[in-house]
C-alpha atoms as a PDB file:
ATOM      1  CA  MET A   1       0.000   0.000   0.000  1.00  0.00           C
ATOM      2  CA  HIS A   2       1.182   3.527  -0.743  1.00  0.00           C
ATOM      3  CA  LYS A   3       2.693   5.072   2.380  1.00  0.00           C
ATOM      4  CA  ASP A   4       1.145   8.535   1.865  1.00  0.00           C
ATOM      5  CA  THR A   5      -2.364   8.158   3.260  1.00  0.00           C
ATOM      6  CA  THR A   6      -2.651  11.712   4.561  1.00  0.00           C
ATOM      7  CA  TRP A   7      -5.416  12.354   2.014  1.00  0.00           C
ATOM      8  CA  LEU A   8      -7.593  10.037   4.118  1.00  0.00           C
ATOM      9  CA  ASP A   9      -7.970  12.350   7.103  1.00  0.00           C
ATOM     10  CA  LEU A  10     -11.353  10.867   7.999  1.00  0.00           C
ATOM     11  CA  TRP A  11     -10.374   9.058  11.190  1.00  0.00           C
ATOM     12  CA  GLU A  12      -8.849  11.532  13.636  1.00  0.00           C
ATOM     13  CA  GLY A  13      -5.903  10.101  15.573  1.00  0.00           C
ATOM     14  CA  PHE A  14      -5.468   7.108  13.231  1.00  0.00           C
ATOM     15  CA  ARG A  15      -3.702   6.277  10.000  1.00  0.00           C
ATOM     16  CA  VAL A  16      -4.489   3.744   7.297  1.00  0.00           C
ATOM     17  CA  ILE A  17      -1.915   0.946   7.224  1.00  0.00           C
ATOM     18  CA  ASP A  18      -3.573  -1.480   4.803  1.00  0.00           C
ATOM     19  CA  ALA A  19      -6.435  -1.709   2.316  1.00  0.00           C
ATOM     20  CA  ASP A  20      -8.235  -4.803   1.024  1.00  0.00           C
ATOM     21  CA  LEU A  21     -10.340  -4.230  -2.093  1.00  0.00           C
ATOM     22  CA  GLN A  22     -10.489  -7.885  -3.193  1.00  0.00           C
ATOM     23  CA  THR A  23     -14.190  -8.461  -2.436  1.00  0.00           C
ATOM     24  CA  PRO A  24     -16.499  -6.787  -4.987  1.00  0.00           C
ATOM     25  CA  GLY A  25     -18.601  -4.026  -3.444  1.00  0.00           C
ATOM     26  CA  GLN A  26     -16.596  -4.002  -0.215  1.00  0.00           C
ATOM     27  CA  ALA A  27     -13.491  -2.238   1.093  1.00  0.00           C
ATOM     28  CA  VAL A  28     -11.665  -3.114   4.298  1.00  0.00           C
ATOM     29  CA  LEU A  29      -9.172  -0.629   5.718  1.00  0.00           C
ATOM     30  CA  ALA A  30      -6.831  -1.376   8.614  1.00  0.00           C
ATOM     31  CA  LEU A  31      -6.217   1.577  10.939  1.00  0.00           C
ATOM     32  CA  GLU A  32      -3.732   2.063  13.745  1.00  0.00           C
ATOM     33  CA  PRO A  33      -3.422   4.894  16.276  1.00  0.00           C
ATOM     34  CA  LEU A  34      -1.000   7.706  15.549  1.00  0.00           C
ATOM     35  CA  GLN A  35       1.877   7.876  17.983  1.00  0.00           C
ATOM     36  CA  GLY A  36       1.035  10.086  20.959  1.00  0.00           C
ATOM     37  CA  SER A  37      -2.697  10.215  20.229  1.00  0.00           C
ATOM     38  CA  SER A  38      -3.943   7.896  22.995  1.00  0.00           C
ATOM     39  CA  LYS A  39      -6.240   9.378  25.641  1.00  0.00           C
ATOM     40  CA  CYS A  40      -8.191   7.783  28.488  1.00  0.00           C
ATOM     41  CA  SER A  41     -11.809   7.277  27.385  1.00  0.00           C
ATOM     42  CA  ALA A  42     -13.077   8.323  30.833  1.00  0.00           C
ATOM     43  CA  CYS A  43     -11.062  11.435  31.745  1.00  0.00           C
ATOM     44  CA  LEU A  44      -9.458  12.218  28.318  1.00  0.00           C
ATOM     45  CA  LYS A  45      -6.000  12.500  29.905  1.00  0.00           C
ATOM     46  CA  PRO A  46      -3.207  11.836  27.353  1.00  0.00           C
ATOM     47  CA  LEU A  47      -1.513   8.536  28.198  1.00  0.00           C
ATOM     48  CA  ALA A  48       1.605   6.791  26.959  1.00  0.00           C
ATOM     49  CA  GLN A  49       1.445   3.490  28.880  1.00  0.00           C
ATOM     50  CA  VAL A  50      -0.179   0.900  26.611  1.00  0.00           C
ATOM     51  CA  HIS A  51      -1.323  -2.242  28.437  1.00  0.00           C
ATOM     52  CA  GLU A  52      -2.261  -4.212  25.305  1.00  0.00           C
ATOM     53  CA  TYR A  53      -3.912  -3.887  21.890  1.00  0.00           C
ATOM     54  CA  VAL A  54      -7.369  -4.955  20.770  1.00  0.00           C
ATOM     55  CA  GLN A  55      -8.946  -4.903  17.328  1.00  0.00           C
ATOM     56  CA  ARG A  56     -12.496  -3.794  16.614  1.00  0.00           C
ATOM     57  CA  THR A  57     -14.231  -4.050  13.241  1.00  0.00           C
ATOM     58  CA  VAL A  58     -16.635  -1.178  12.577  1.00  0.00           C
ATOM     59  CA  ARG A  59     -18.702   0.004   9.628  1.00  0.00           C
ATOM     60  CA  ASP A  60     -18.360   3.463   8.101  1.00  0.00           C
ATOM     61  CA  MET A  61     -19.980   5.392   5.260  1.00  0.00           C
ATOM     62  CA  PRO A  62     -19.532   3.804   1.820  1.00  0.00           C
ATOM     63  CA  LEU A  63     -16.310   4.648   0.004  1.00  0.00           C
ATOM     64  CA  VAL A  64     -16.645   4.987  -3.784  1.00  0.00           C
ATOM     65  CA  ASP A  65     -19.739   2.738  -3.895  1.00  0.00           C
ATOM     66  CA  ARG A  66     -18.168   0.092  -1.655  1.00  0.00           C
ATOM     67  CA  GLN A  67     -19.376  -0.898   1.805  1.00  0.00           C
ATOM     68  CA  LEU A  68     -16.593   0.185   4.131  1.00  0.00           C
ATOM     69  CA  ARG A  69     -15.371  -1.822   7.082  1.00  0.00           C
ATOM     70  CA  LEU A  70     -12.592  -0.567   9.330  1.00  0.00           C
ATOM     71  CA  LYS A  71     -10.337  -2.898  11.285  1.00  0.00           C
ATOM     72  CA  VAL A  72      -9.286  -0.547  14.054  1.00  0.00           C
ATOM     73  CA  LYS A  73      -6.337  -1.339  16.309  1.00  0.00           C
ATOM     74  CA  LEU A  74      -7.089   0.190  19.707  1.00  0.00           C
ATOM     75  CA  HIS A  75      -4.842   0.698  22.706  1.00  0.00           C
ATOM     76  CA  ARG A  76      -5.945  -0.638  26.053  1.00  0.00           C
ATOM     77  CA  LEU A  77      -4.374   1.860  28.442  1.00  0.00           C
ATOM     78  CA  VAL A  78      -3.541   2.161  32.111  1.00  0.00           C
ATOM     79  CA  CYS A  79      -4.762   5.495  33.486  1.00  0.00           C
ATOM     80  CA  PRO A  80      -3.426   6.451  36.944  1.00  0.00           C
ATOM     81  CA  ASP A  81      -6.824   8.001  37.770  1.00  0.00           C
ATOM     82  CA  CYS A  82      -9.294   5.613  36.079  1.00  0.00           C
ATOM     83  CA  GLY A  83      -7.446   2.294  35.875  1.00  0.00           C
ATOM     84  CA  LYS A  84      -7.465   0.181  32.717  1.00  0.00           C
ATOM     85  CA  CYS A  85      -9.465   1.634  29.846  1.00  0.00           C
ATOM     86  CA  LEU A  86      -9.727   1.618  26.085  1.00  0.00           C
ATOM     87  CA  GLN A  87      -8.362   4.675  24.289  1.00  0.00           C
ATOM     88  CA  HIS A  88     -10.765   7.488  23.390  1.00  0.00           C
ATOM     89  CA  VAL A  89     -11.787   7.534  19.711  1.00  0.00           C
ATOM     90  CA  PRO A  90     -13.529  10.831  18.783  1.00  0.00           C
ATOM     91  CA  TRP A  91     -15.348   9.379  15.755  1.00  0.00           C
ATOM     92  CA  LEU A  92     -16.571   6.209  17.489  1.00  0.00           C
ATOM     93  CA  ASP A  93     -18.931   5.913  20.465  1.00  0.00           C
ATOM     94  CA  LYS A  94     -18.007   3.534  23.267  1.00  0.00           C
ATOM     95  CA  TYR A  95     -18.876  -0.108  22.366  1.00  0.00           C
ATOM     96  CA  SER A  96     -20.213   0.992  18.960  1.00  0.00           C
ATOM     97  CA  ARG A  97     -19.660  -1.004  15.779  1.00  0.00           C
ATOM     98  CA  LEU A  98     -20.742   1.962  13.606  1.00  0.00           C
ATOM     99  CA  THR A  99     -18.869   5.256  13.198  1.00  0.00           C
ATOM    100  CA  LYS A 100     -20.642   8.410  14.381  1.00  0.00           C
ATOM    101  CA  ARG A 101     -20.734   9.577  10.754  1.00  0.00           C
ATOM    102  CA  LEU A 102     -22.651   6.436   9.681  1.00  0.00           C
ATOM    103  CA  VAL A 103     -25.053   6.653  12.650  1.00  0.00           C
ATOM    104  CA  GLU A 104     -25.854  10.294  11.779  1.00  0.00           C
ATOM    105  CA  HIS A 105     -26.452   9.311   8.146  1.00  0.00           C
ATOM    106  CA  ILE A 106     -28.807   6.466   9.144  1.00  0.00           C
ATOM    107  CA  HIS A 107     -30.843   8.746  11.443  1.00  0.00           C
ATOM    108  CA  ARG A 108     -31.038  11.607   8.934  1.00  0.00           C
ATOM    109  CA  PRO A 109     -34.638  12.048   7.650  1.00  0.00           C
END
């Protein structure tokens, strides 16, 4: 994959590291957090201590007539105030499998 993915500034705090366009009508993008972008999801304090990684697959708005799935690598962090938590993702609600952008589109009259 081409290393310059800055044109895809749709997922704040993350960068695209891989793209799978093999399945017709579907695109799967792999995202990873940008260095230094991890914040506690409870108190929003910037944190550097990563406990482990988890991957969540979420749906986003279609991309060039393809259903878009995102494989998002998330940091599980250790916050001195809140304990273990998953990193804050501004474009994804807690526990959600749909981006905020897709949820807003679905609920639009």
